[in-house]
Amino acid sequence: MNRKAEFCENRATEEQIAAHLALCDARFVPPLSSRLQIREYAHKICTHGMRFEAWEEGSLVALVAMYCNRVDQGLAYITNVSVLEEWLGEHVASHLLERAVHYLKERKFEDVELEVDERNHKAIRLYERHGFVETATNEQSLVMRLRLKRRPE
């Protein structure tokens, strides 16, 4: 990373998450606002999600959010990966994904899953570099999974 970011967990307020998502909206494939209400989504992430955040001078520059509510199944779900445009190429998404995976491994989760639009080639490559593999398709989306723990044979 060439720029300095401060990394932390669960610091952003609902309003900061909504503002961040609005700034990233157009780069989602398709745009986030075409699929959901950003304020409601920010509320859900803030209320129910585990968040890994990158900050610079009081601004949320990158966010990975996931739900860890299927503990009995050993499965977590990444619901958001977003980076401000001026931070693209700084590897903050990779760093936050690594932190999220480490968090899940420490808590004995077996798998983490996400869904990505099949047209979002950059995101798919990012997830593949981190070991995610396609496990299903759902309309125009790919379901990708990372095995965190080897299951006994």
N, C-alpha and C. Protein backbone atom coordinates (compact mmCIF):
# COMPACT_ATOMS: atom_id res chain seq x y z
N MET A 1 0.83 -1.18 0.00
CA MET A 1 0.00 0.00 0.00
C MET A 1 0.87 1.24 0.00
N ASN A 2 0.54 2.14 -0.86
CA ASN A 2 1.30 3.39 -0.93
C ASN A 2 0.73 4.44 0.01
N ARG A 3 -0.56 4.43 0.18
CA ARG A 3 -1.22 5.38 1.08
C ARG A 3 -1.40 4.71 2.43
N LYS A 4 -1.54 5.53 3.45
CA LYS A 4 -1.72 5.02 4.81
C LYS A 4 -3.20 5.03 5.16
N ALA A 5 -3.68 3.88 5.55
CA ALA A 5 -5.05 3.77 6.04
C ALA A 5 -5.00 3.20 7.45
N GLU A 6 -5.98 3.57 8.23
CA GLU A 6 -6.14 3.00 9.57
C GLU A 6 -7.21 1.91 9.46
N PHE A 7 -6.88 0.72 9.94
CA PHE A 7 -7.79 -0.41 9.85
C PHE A 7 -8.41 -0.67 11.21
N CYS A 8 -9.73 -0.89 11.21
CA CYS A 8 -10.42 -1.18 12.46
C CYS A 8 -11.68 -1.98 12.17
N GLU A 9 -12.40 -2.28 13.22
CA GLU A 9 -13.63 -3.07 13.11
C GLU A 9 -14.78 -2.31 13.75
N ASN A 10 -15.92 -2.33 13.06
CA ASN A 10 -17.20 -1.85 13.60
C ASN A 10 -17.16 -0.43 14.17
N ARG A 11 -16.43 0.46 13.55
CA ARG A 11 -16.36 1.84 14.03
C ARG A 11 -17.37 2.75 13.34
N ALA A 12 -17.66 2.49 12.09
CA ALA A 12 -18.52 3.38 11.30
C ALA A 12 -19.95 3.41 11.83
N THR A 13 -20.55 4.58 11.79
CA THR A 13 -21.96 4.72 12.12
C THR A 13 -22.79 4.35 10.89
N GLU A 14 -24.06 4.19 11.11
CA GLU A 14 -24.98 3.91 10.01
C GLU A 14 -24.89 5.00 8.94
N GLU A 15 -24.81 6.25 9.36
CA GLU A 15 -24.74 7.37 8.42
C GLU A 15 -23.44 7.34 7.62
N GLN A 16 -22.34 7.00 8.28
CA GLN A 16 -21.05 6.92 7.57
C GLN A 16 -21.05 5.77 6.56
N ILE A 17 -21.66 4.67 6.93
CA ILE A 17 -21.75 3.53 6.00
C ILE A 17 -22.61 3.92 4.79
N ALA A 18 -23.75 4.55 5.04
CA ALA A 18 -24.62 4.98 3.94
C ALA A 18 -23.90 5.96 3.02
N ALA A 19 -23.17 6.91 3.58
CA ALA A 19 -22.44 7.88 2.76
C ALA A 19 -21.36 7.19 1.93
N HIS A 20 -20.66 6.25 2.54
CA HIS A 20 -19.62 5.49 1.83
C HIS A 20 -20.24 4.70 0.67
N LEU A 21 -21.32 3.99 0.95
CA LEU A 21 -21.97 3.18 -0.09
C LEU A 21 -22.50 4.06 -1.22
N ALA A 22 -23.02 5.24 -0.89
CA ALA A 22 -23.50 6.16 -1.92
C ALA A 22 -22.36 6.61 -2.82
N LEU A 23 -21.18 6.85 -2.24
CA LEU A 23 -20.02 7.25 -3.04
C LEU A 23 -19.53 6.11 -3.94
N CYS A 24 -19.72 4.88 -3.50
CA CYS A 24 -19.28 3.71 -4.27
C CYS A 24 -20.36 3.18 -5.21
N ASP A 25 -21.56 3.69 -5.09
CA ASP A 25 -22.74 3.14 -5.75
C ASP A 25 -22.54 2.83 -7.23
N ALA A 26 -22.05 3.76 -8.00
CA ALA A 26 -21.96 3.59 -9.46
C ALA A 26 -20.98 2.50 -9.88
N ARG A 27 -20.03 2.15 -9.03
CA ARG A 27 -19.05 1.12 -9.39
C ARG A 27 -19.53 -0.29 -9.06
N PHE A 28 -20.61 -0.43 -8.30
CA PHE A 28 -21.20 -1.75 -8.11
C PHE A 28 -21.80 -2.20 -9.44
N VAL A 29 -21.76 -3.49 -9.70
CA VAL A 29 -22.31 -4.03 -10.94
C VAL A 29 -23.44 -4.98 -10.57
N PRO A 30 -24.70 -4.61 -10.88
CA PRO A 30 -25.20 -3.28 -11.28
C PRO A 30 -25.13 -2.32 -10.08
N PRO A 31 -25.38 -1.03 -10.32
CA PRO A 31 -25.31 -0.07 -9.22
C PRO A 31 -26.14 -0.53 -8.01
N LEU A 32 -25.59 -0.32 -6.85
CA LEU A 32 -26.22 -0.76 -5.61
C LEU A 32 -27.63 -0.19 -5.47
N SER A 33 -27.79 1.09 -5.79
CA SER A 33 -29.09 1.75 -5.62
C SER A 33 -30.16 1.20 -6.55
N SER A 34 -29.77 0.46 -7.58
CA SER A 34 -30.76 -0.14 -8.48
C SER A 34 -31.32 -1.43 -7.88
N ARG A 35 -30.67 -1.93 -6.82
CA ARG A 35 -31.07 -3.20 -6.22
C ARG A 35 -31.68 -3.07 -4.84
N LEU A 36 -31.36 -1.97 -4.14
CA LEU A 36 -31.82 -1.83 -2.77
C LEU A 36 -31.79 -0.37 -2.34
N GLN A 37 -32.35 -0.11 -1.19
CA GLN A 37 -32.32 1.21 -0.59
C GLN A 37 -31.04 1.31 0.24
N ILE A 38 -30.14 2.20 -0.13
CA ILE A 38 -28.83 2.29 0.52
C ILE A 38 -28.96 2.55 2.02
N ARG A 39 -29.84 3.44 2.43
CA ARG A 39 -29.97 3.74 3.87
C ARG A 39 -30.44 2.51 4.65
N GLU A 40 -31.40 1.77 4.11
CA GLU A 40 -31.87 0.56 4.78
C GLU A 40 -30.77 -0.50 4.85
N TYR A 41 -30.01 -0.61 3.77
CA TYR A 41 -28.90 -1.56 3.73
C TYR A 41 -27.83 -1.19 4.76
N ALA A 42 -27.52 0.10 4.84
CA ALA A 42 -26.54 0.58 5.82
C ALA A 42 -27.02 0.27 7.24
N HIS A 43 -28.31 0.43 7.48
CA HIS A 43 -28.88 0.11 8.80
C HIS A 43 -28.69 -1.38 9.09
N LYS A 44 -29.00 -2.23 8.13
CA LYS A 44 -28.86 -3.67 8.32
C LYS A 44 -27.41 -4.05 8.59
N ILE A 45 -26.49 -3.49 7.81
CA ILE A 45 -25.07 -3.78 8.00
C ILE A 45 -24.62 -3.32 9.39
N CYS A 46 -25.03 -2.14 9.78
CA CYS A 46 -24.61 -1.58 11.06
C CYS A 46 -25.21 -2.37 12.23
N THR A 47 -26.43 -2.83 12.06
CA THR A 47 -27.12 -3.52 13.13
C THR A 47 -26.74 -5.00 13.25
N HIS A 48 -26.57 -5.65 12.11
CA HIS A 48 -26.39 -7.11 12.11
C HIS A 48 -25.05 -7.59 11.57
N GLY A 49 -24.26 -6.70 11.01
CA GLY A 49 -23.03 -7.12 10.36
C GLY A 49 -21.78 -6.96 11.20
N MET A 50 -20.79 -7.73 10.83
CA MET A 50 -19.42 -7.56 11.34
C MET A 50 -18.71 -6.78 10.25
N ARG A 51 -18.06 -5.68 10.63
CA ARG A 51 -17.48 -4.80 9.63
C ARG A 51 -15.98 -4.64 9.81
N PHE A 52 -15.30 -4.70 8.69
CA PHE A 52 -13.86 -4.46 8.63
C PHE A 52 -13.70 -3.21 7.79
N GLU A 53 -13.05 -2.20 8.37
CA GLU A 53 -13.07 -0.87 7.77
C GLU A 53 -11.66 -0.32 7.59
N ALA A 54 -11.51 0.50 6.56
CA ALA A 54 -10.28 1.26 6.34
C ALA A 54 -10.66 2.74 6.36
N TRP A 55 -9.89 3.51 7.11
CA TRP A 55 -10.17 4.93 7.32
C TRP A 55 -8.94 5.76 6.94
N GLU A 56 -9.21 6.95 6.44
CA GLU A 56 -8.16 7.95 6.25
C GLU A 56 -8.72 9.29 6.68
N GLU A 57 -8.06 9.90 7.65
CA GLU A 57 -8.43 11.23 8.14
C GLU A 57 -9.93 11.37 8.38
N GLY A 58 -10.51 10.42 9.08
CA GLY A 58 -11.91 10.50 9.44
C GLY A 58 -12.90 10.08 8.38
N SER A 59 -12.41 9.61 7.23
CA SER A 59 -13.29 9.16 6.15
C SER A 59 -13.19 7.66 5.98
N LEU A 60 -14.33 7.01 5.84
CA LEU A 60 -14.39 5.58 5.57
C LEU A 60 -14.05 5.38 4.10
N VAL A 61 -12.91 4.74 3.83
CA VAL A 61 -12.45 4.59 2.44
C VAL A 61 -12.69 3.20 1.89
N ALA A 62 -12.89 2.21 2.75
CA ALA A 62 -13.15 0.84 2.29
C ALA A 62 -13.90 0.09 3.38
N LEU A 63 -14.72 -0.87 2.93
CA LEU A 63 -15.56 -1.60 3.87
C LEU A 63 -15.78 -3.03 3.37
N VAL A 64 -15.58 -3.98 4.26
CA VAL A 64 -16.01 -5.36 4.04
C VAL A 64 -16.98 -5.65 5.18
N ALA A 65 -18.20 -6.05 4.82
CA ALA A 65 -19.22 -6.36 5.82
C ALA A 65 -19.69 -7.78 5.62
N MET A 66 -19.91 -8.48 6.73
CA MET A 66 -20.39 -9.85 6.63
C MET A 66 -21.34 -10.17 7.77
N TYR A 67 -22.14 -11.18 7.52
CA TYR A 67 -23.07 -11.68 8.53
C TYR A 67 -22.54 -13.00 9.04
N CYS A 68 -22.50 -13.13 10.33
CA CYS A 68 -21.97 -14.35 10.98
C CYS A 68 -23.07 -15.01 11.81
N ASN A 69 -24.30 -15.00 11.31
CA ASN A 69 -25.43 -15.47 12.10
C ASN A 69 -25.79 -16.94 11.84
N ARG A 70 -25.00 -17.65 11.04
CA ARG A 70 -25.25 -19.07 10.81
C ARG A 70 -24.14 -19.91 11.46
N VAL A 71 -23.88 -19.57 12.71
CA VAL A 71 -22.81 -20.21 13.46
C VAL A 71 -23.02 -21.72 13.53
N ASP A 72 -24.26 -22.15 13.72
CA ASP A 72 -24.55 -23.58 13.82
C ASP A 72 -24.18 -24.33 12.55
N GLN A 73 -24.17 -23.64 11.41
CA GLN A 73 -23.79 -24.25 10.14
C GLN A 73 -22.32 -23.97 9.79
N GLY A 74 -21.67 -23.17 10.60
CA GLY A 74 -20.27 -22.83 10.34
C GLY A 74 -20.09 -21.97 9.10
N LEU A 75 -21.14 -21.20 8.74
CA LEU A 75 -21.13 -20.44 7.49
C LEU A 75 -21.34 -18.96 7.76
N ALA A 76 -20.48 -18.15 7.16
CA ALA A 76 -20.62 -16.69 7.20
C ALA A 76 -20.90 -16.22 5.77
N TYR A 77 -21.44 -15.01 5.65
CA TYR A 77 -21.80 -14.48 4.35
C TYR A 77 -21.27 -13.06 4.21
N ILE A 78 -20.42 -12.83 3.22
CA ILE A 78 -19.92 -11.48 2.93
C ILE A 78 -20.98 -10.77 2.10
N THR A 79 -21.50 -9.68 2.63
CA THR A 79 -22.56 -8.95 1.96
C THR A 79 -22.05 -7.73 1.21
N ASN A 80 -20.86 -7.24 1.56
CA ASN A 80 -20.36 -6.02 0.92
C ASN A 80 -18.85 -5.98 0.90
N VAL A 81 -18.32 -5.58 -0.25
CA VAL A 81 -16.92 -5.21 -0.40
C VAL A 81 -16.94 -3.93 -1.23
N SER A 82 -16.49 -2.83 -0.65
CA SER A 82 -16.52 -1.56 -1.37
C SER A 82 -15.30 -0.72 -1.02
N VAL A 83 -14.81 0.00 -2.02
CA VAL A 83 -13.63 0.84 -1.87
C VAL A 83 -13.87 2.14 -2.65
N LEU A 84 -13.57 3.26 -2.02
CA LEU A 84 -13.68 4.54 -2.73
C LEU A 84 -12.78 4.53 -3.95
N GLU A 85 -13.23 5.17 -5.00
CA GLU A 85 -12.50 5.15 -6.28
C GLU A 85 -11.04 5.58 -6.14
N GLU A 86 -10.78 6.61 -5.36
CA GLU A 86 -9.40 7.10 -5.23
C GLU A 86 -8.50 6.13 -4.47
N TRP A 87 -9.07 5.10 -3.87
CA TRP A 87 -8.29 4.09 -3.15
C TRP A 87 -8.14 2.80 -3.94
N LEU A 88 -8.70 2.74 -5.13
CA LEU A 88 -8.54 1.54 -5.95
C LEU A 88 -7.05 1.36 -6.27
N GLY A 89 -6.60 0.14 -6.27
CA GLY A 89 -5.19 -0.15 -6.54
C GLY A 89 -4.30 -0.11 -5.32
N GLU A 90 -4.86 0.24 -4.17
CA GLU A 90 -4.07 0.32 -2.93
C GLU A 90 -4.16 -0.97 -2.11
N HIS A 91 -4.89 -1.96 -2.60
CA HIS A 91 -5.01 -3.29 -1.98
C HIS A 91 -5.75 -3.29 -0.65
N VAL A 92 -6.56 -2.25 -0.41
CA VAL A 92 -7.28 -2.23 0.86
C VAL A 92 -8.36 -3.31 0.91
N ALA A 93 -9.01 -3.60 -0.22
CA ALA A 93 -10.02 -4.66 -0.22
C ALA A 93 -9.38 -6.00 0.13
N SER A 94 -8.21 -6.27 -0.44
CA SER A 94 -7.50 -7.51 -0.12
C SER A 94 -7.16 -7.58 1.36
N HIS A 95 -6.66 -6.49 1.89
CA HIS A 95 -6.29 -6.46 3.31
C HIS A 95 -7.52 -6.70 4.19
N LEU A 96 -8.63 -6.06 3.86
CA LEU A 96 -9.84 -6.23 4.66
C LEU A 96 -10.39 -7.65 4.53
N LEU A 97 -10.33 -8.22 3.33
CA LEU A 97 -10.76 -9.62 3.16
C LEU A 97 -9.91 -10.56 4.01
N GLU A 98 -8.61 -10.33 4.01
CA GLU A 98 -7.71 -11.16 4.83
C GLU A 98 -8.07 -11.05 6.31
N ARG A 99 -8.37 -9.85 6.76
CA ARG A 99 -8.77 -9.65 8.17
C ARG A 99 -10.08 -10.37 8.47
N ALA A 100 -11.02 -10.32 7.52
CA ALA A 100 -12.31 -10.99 7.71
C ALA A 100 -12.13 -12.50 7.79
N VAL A 101 -11.31 -13.05 6.90
CA VAL A 101 -11.06 -14.50 6.90
C VAL A 101 -10.38 -14.91 8.19
N HIS A 102 -9.41 -14.15 8.64
CA HIS A 102 -8.72 -14.44 9.91
C HIS A 102 -9.73 -14.45 11.06
N TYR A 103 -10.59 -13.46 11.10
CA TYR A 103 -11.63 -13.37 12.13
C TYR A 103 -12.48 -14.64 12.14
N LEU A 104 -12.90 -15.08 10.96
CA LEU A 104 -13.76 -16.27 10.86
C LEU A 104 -13.02 -17.54 11.27
N LYS A 105 -11.77 -17.66 10.86
CA LYS A 105 -10.99 -18.84 11.24
C LYS A 105 -10.80 -18.91 12.75
N GLU A 106 -10.55 -17.77 13.38
CA GLU A 106 -10.41 -17.75 14.84
C GLU A 106 -11.67 -18.21 15.55
N ARG A 107 -12.79 -18.00 14.92
CA ARG A 107 -14.08 -18.37 15.52
C ARG A 107 -14.61 -19.70 14.99
N LYS A 108 -13.73 -20.44 14.33
CA LYS A 108 -14.01 -21.80 13.88
C LYS A 108 -15.11 -21.92 12.82
N PHE A 109 -15.33 -20.86 12.05
CA PHE A 109 -16.23 -20.98 10.92
C PHE A 109 -15.60 -21.90 9.88
N GLU A 110 -16.41 -22.64 9.16
CA GLU A 110 -15.90 -23.58 8.17
C GLU A 110 -15.88 -23.00 6.77
N ASP A 111 -16.84 -22.12 6.47
CA ASP A 111 -16.97 -21.57 5.12
C ASP A 111 -17.43 -20.12 5.18
N VAL A 112 -17.09 -19.40 4.13
CA VAL A 112 -17.63 -18.05 3.93
C VAL A 112 -18.07 -17.98 2.47
N GLU A 113 -19.23 -17.36 2.28
CA GLU A 113 -19.84 -17.32 0.97
C GLU A 113 -20.13 -15.88 0.59
N LEU A 114 -20.23 -15.61 -0.70
CA LEU A 114 -20.63 -14.31 -1.20
C LEU A 114 -21.30 -14.50 -2.55
N GLU A 115 -21.95 -13.44 -2.99
CA GLU A 115 -22.59 -13.45 -4.30
C GLU A 115 -22.07 -12.25 -5.07
N VAL A 116 -21.74 -12.46 -6.35
CA VAL A 116 -21.19 -11.39 -7.18
C VAL A 116 -21.79 -11.49 -8.57
N ASP A 117 -22.06 -10.35 -9.17
CA ASP A 117 -22.60 -10.33 -10.52
C ASP A 117 -21.56 -10.90 -11.49
N GLU A 118 -22.01 -11.75 -12.39
CA GLU A 118 -21.07 -12.41 -13.32
C GLU A 118 -20.36 -11.42 -14.23
N ARG A 119 -20.87 -10.19 -14.36
CA ARG A 119 -20.22 -9.16 -15.19
C ARG A 119 -19.15 -8.39 -14.43
N ASN A 120 -19.04 -8.61 -13.12
CA ASN A 120 -18.09 -7.87 -12.30
C ASN A 120 -16.76 -8.63 -12.26
N HIS A 121 -16.05 -8.58 -13.38
CA HIS A 121 -14.83 -9.38 -13.55
C HIS A 121 -13.73 -9.01 -12.57
N LYS A 122 -13.59 -7.73 -12.23
CA LYS A 122 -12.55 -7.32 -11.27
C LYS A 122 -12.81 -7.93 -9.90
N ALA A 123 -14.06 -7.88 -9.47
CA ALA A 123 -14.39 -8.45 -8.16
C ALA A 123 -14.19 -9.97 -8.17
N ILE A 124 -14.59 -10.62 -9.24
CA ILE A 124 -14.43 -12.07 -9.33
C ILE A 124 -12.95 -12.44 -9.24
N ARG A 125 -12.10 -11.71 -9.94
CA ARG A 125 -10.65 -11.98 -9.87
C ARG A 125 -10.11 -11.76 -8.46
N LEU A 126 -10.59 -10.71 -7.79
CA LEU A 126 -10.18 -10.45 -6.41
C LEU A 126 -10.54 -11.64 -5.53
N TYR A 127 -11.76 -12.12 -5.63
CA TYR A 127 -12.21 -13.23 -4.80
C TYR A 127 -11.45 -14.51 -5.14
N GLU A 128 -11.21 -14.74 -6.41
CA GLU A 128 -10.44 -15.94 -6.80
C GLU A 128 -9.02 -15.89 -6.24
N ARG A 129 -8.40 -14.71 -6.26
CA ARG A 129 -7.05 -14.58 -5.68
C ARG A 129 -7.04 -14.92 -4.20
N HIS A 130 -8.16 -14.76 -3.54
CA HIS A 130 -8.27 -15.07 -2.11
C HIS A 130 -8.79 -16.48 -1.87
N GLY A 131 -8.92 -17.27 -2.93
CA GLY A 131 -9.28 -18.68 -2.77
C GLY A 131 -10.75 -19.01 -2.93
N PHE A 132 -11.58 -18.03 -3.21
CA PHE A 132 -13.00 -18.30 -3.42
C PHE A 132 -13.18 -19.05 -4.75
N VAL A 133 -14.11 -19.98 -4.76
CA VAL A 133 -14.44 -20.71 -5.98
C VAL A 133 -15.95 -20.63 -6.21
N GLU A 134 -16.31 -20.65 -7.47
CA GLU A 134 -17.72 -20.62 -7.84
C GLU A 134 -18.38 -21.93 -7.44
N THR A 135 -19.51 -21.83 -6.76
CA THR A 135 -20.22 -23.04 -6.34
C THR A 135 -21.61 -23.13 -6.95
N ALA A 136 -22.15 -22.00 -7.44
CA ALA A 136 -23.48 -22.01 -8.03
C ALA A 136 -23.68 -20.72 -8.82
N THR A 137 -24.71 -20.74 -9.64
CA THR A 137 -25.13 -19.52 -10.33
C THR A 137 -26.57 -19.24 -9.94
N ASN A 138 -26.90 -17.97 -9.93
CA ASN A 138 -28.23 -17.53 -9.52
C ASN A 138 -28.60 -16.36 -10.42
N GLU A 139 -29.35 -16.61 -11.48
CA GLU A 139 -29.66 -15.61 -12.50
C GLU A 139 -28.35 -15.06 -13.06
N GLN A 140 -28.04 -13.77 -12.81
CA GLN A 140 -26.79 -13.20 -13.32
C GLN A 140 -25.69 -13.17 -12.27
N SER A 141 -25.88 -13.85 -11.16
CA SER A 141 -24.90 -13.84 -10.08
C SER A 141 -24.20 -15.17 -9.95
N LEU A 142 -22.98 -15.08 -9.46
CA LEU A 142 -22.23 -16.27 -9.10
C LEU A 142 -22.21 -16.35 -7.58
N VAL A 143 -22.39 -17.54 -7.06
CA VAL A 143 -22.20 -17.77 -5.64
C VAL A 143 -20.79 -18.33 -5.51
N MET A 144 -19.98 -17.69 -4.67
CA MET A 144 -18.60 -18.12 -4.49
C MET A 144 -18.40 -18.46 -3.02
N ARG A 145 -17.55 -19.46 -2.79
CA ARG A 145 -17.34 -19.94 -1.42
C ARG A 145 -15.85 -20.14 -1.19
N LEU A 146 -15.45 -19.83 0.03
CA LEU A 146 -14.09 -20.10 0.49
C LEU A 146 -14.19 -21.08 1.64
N ARG A 147 -13.54 -22.22 1.51
CA ARG A 147 -13.49 -23.22 2.58
C ARG A 147 -12.41 -22.76 3.56
N LEU A 148 -12.82 -22.56 4.80
CA LEU A 148 -11.90 -22.09 5.84
C LEU A 148 -11.29 -23.23 6.63
N LYS A 149 -12.01 -24.32 6.70
CA LYS A 149 -11.58 -25.46 7.51
C LYS A 149 -11.86 -26.72 6.73
N ARG A 150 -10.90 -27.57 6.68
CA ARG A 150 -11.09 -28.85 6.00
C ARG A 150 -12.01 -29.75 6.79
N ARG A 151 -13.01 -30.25 6.12
CA ARG A 151 -13.93 -31.17 6.79
C ARG A 151 -13.37 -32.57 6.77
N PRO A 152 -13.61 -33.36 7.82
CA PRO A 152 -13.13 -34.74 7.83
C PRO A 152 -13.78 -35.53 6.70
N GLU A 153 -13.00 -36.44 6.11
CA GLU A 153 -13.50 -37.23 4.99
C GLU A 153 -14.21 -38.46 5.45
